[in-house]
Amino acid sequence: MTDPTPSASGTAPAPLFGASDIRRLAGEIGVRPTKTLGQNFVIDGNTIRRIVAAAGIGPDETVLEVGPGLGSLTLGLLDAANAVVTVE
């Protein structure tokens, strides 16, 4: 997992998945991502942080994430929101 950087609240955020984590998780559950099925996995921690920052999520908000996949974006959302609800 990538090294966490302090969140806006001053607490250490959850570690984010990196490319090797995604490959390992996918292998463990027998998933072979294919772009023809629209499967894309965010593997860069900086990209996750930019997505979360651009969303402007407040610490009192609940986020609905549709299609969480292996959860790499979910980890970033958990640091910004009060709660995250995922629907696959």
Protein backbone atom coordinates (compact mmCIF):
# COMPACT_ATOMS: atom_id res chain seq x y z
CA MET A 1 0.00 0.00 0.00
CA THR A 2 1.16 3.53 -0.64
CA ASP A 3 2.40 5.65 2.26
CA PRO A 4 -0.38 7.68 3.85
CA THR A 5 -0.14 11.45 4.13
CA PRO A 6 -1.96 13.31 6.91
CA SER A 7 -5.58 14.12 6.11
CA ALA A 8 -7.23 17.50 6.61
CA SER A 9 -8.45 16.35 10.01
CA GLY A 10 -4.87 15.73 11.10
CA THR A 11 -5.39 12.01 11.52
CA ALA A 12 -3.48 9.48 9.48
CA PRO A 13 -5.62 8.37 6.52
CA ALA A 14 -6.09 4.75 5.54
CA PRO A 15 -3.27 3.47 3.32
CA LEU A 16 -4.25 3.50 -0.36
CA PHE A 17 -3.84 0.56 -2.72
CA GLY A 18 -1.02 0.64 -5.23
CA ALA A 19 -0.67 -1.33 -8.48
CA SER A 20 0.84 -4.38 -6.76
CA ASP A 21 -1.99 -4.41 -4.19
CA ILE A 22 -4.61 -4.32 -6.95
CA ARG A 23 -2.88 -7.13 -8.87
CA ARG A 24 -2.61 -9.22 -5.71
CA LEU A 25 -6.25 -8.70 -4.71
CA ALA A 26 -7.50 -9.40 -8.22
CA GLY A 27 -5.43 -12.59 -8.34
CA GLU A 28 -6.69 -13.75 -4.96
CA ILE A 29 -10.32 -13.52 -6.05
CA GLY A 30 -9.74 -14.65 -9.63
CA VAL A 31 -10.58 -11.32 -11.30
CA ARG A 32 -9.00 -10.52 -14.64
CA PRO A 33 -9.89 -6.88 -15.39
CA THR A 34 -10.78 -6.16 -18.99
CA LYS A 35 -11.36 -2.73 -20.47
CA THR A 36 -13.86 -4.17 -22.96
CA LEU A 37 -16.17 -4.68 -19.97
CA GLY A 38 -15.46 -1.16 -18.73
CA GLN A 39 -13.37 -2.34 -15.80
CA ASN A 40 -10.84 0.25 -14.69
CA PHE A 41 -8.99 0.15 -11.41
CA VAL A 42 -7.43 3.29 -9.95
CA ILE A 43 -3.93 2.27 -8.94
CA ASP A 44 -2.26 5.62 -8.23
CA GLY A 45 -2.67 7.14 -4.77
CA ASN A 46 -2.17 10.68 -6.09
CA THR A 47 -4.99 10.18 -8.61
CA ILE A 48 -7.27 8.98 -5.82
CA ARG A 49 -6.41 12.02 -3.72
CA ARG A 50 -7.11 14.36 -6.67
CA ILE A 51 -10.48 12.72 -7.35
CA VAL A 52 -11.51 13.01 -3.70
CA ALA A 53 -10.32 16.64 -3.49
CA ALA A 54 -12.17 17.56 -6.71
CA ALA A 55 -15.38 16.06 -5.31
CA GLY A 56 -15.30 18.58 -2.46
CA ILE A 57 -16.56 16.08 0.09
CA GLY A 58 -17.15 17.43 3.57
CA PRO A 59 -16.45 15.47 6.78
CA ASP A 60 -20.17 15.41 7.62
CA GLU A 61 -21.28 13.97 4.27
CA THR A 62 -22.23 10.46 3.21
CA VAL A 63 -20.92 9.35 -0.19
CA LEU A 64 -22.57 6.81 -2.49
CA GLU A 65 -19.97 5.00 -4.60
CA VAL A 66 -21.37 2.98 -7.49
CA GLY A 67 -19.12 0.18 -8.72
CA PRO A 68 -16.41 0.19 -6.04
CA GLY A 69 -14.50 -2.65 -7.66
CA LEU A 70 -11.62 -3.61 -5.38
CA GLY A 71 -12.04 -0.54 -3.19
CA SER A 72 -9.05 1.63 -4.07
CA LEU A 73 -11.15 4.81 -4.40
CA THR A 74 -13.29 3.76 -1.43
CA LEU A 75 -10.28 4.02 0.87
CA GLY A 76 -9.71 7.62 -0.21
CA LEU A 77 -13.38 8.47 0.20
CA LEU A 78 -13.41 7.06 3.73
CA ASP A 79 -10.83 9.63 4.77
CA ALA A 80 -12.88 12.55 3.46
CA ALA A 81 -16.48 11.59 4.26
CA ASN A 82 -18.45 10.70 7.37
CA ALA A 83 -19.60 7.48 5.68
CA VAL A 84 -19.29 5.71 2.35
CA VAL A 85 -22.02 3.45 0.96
CA THR A 86 -20.91 1.21 -1.91
CA VAL A 87 -23.12 -0.54 -4.46
CA GLU A 88 -21.66 -3.00 -6.95
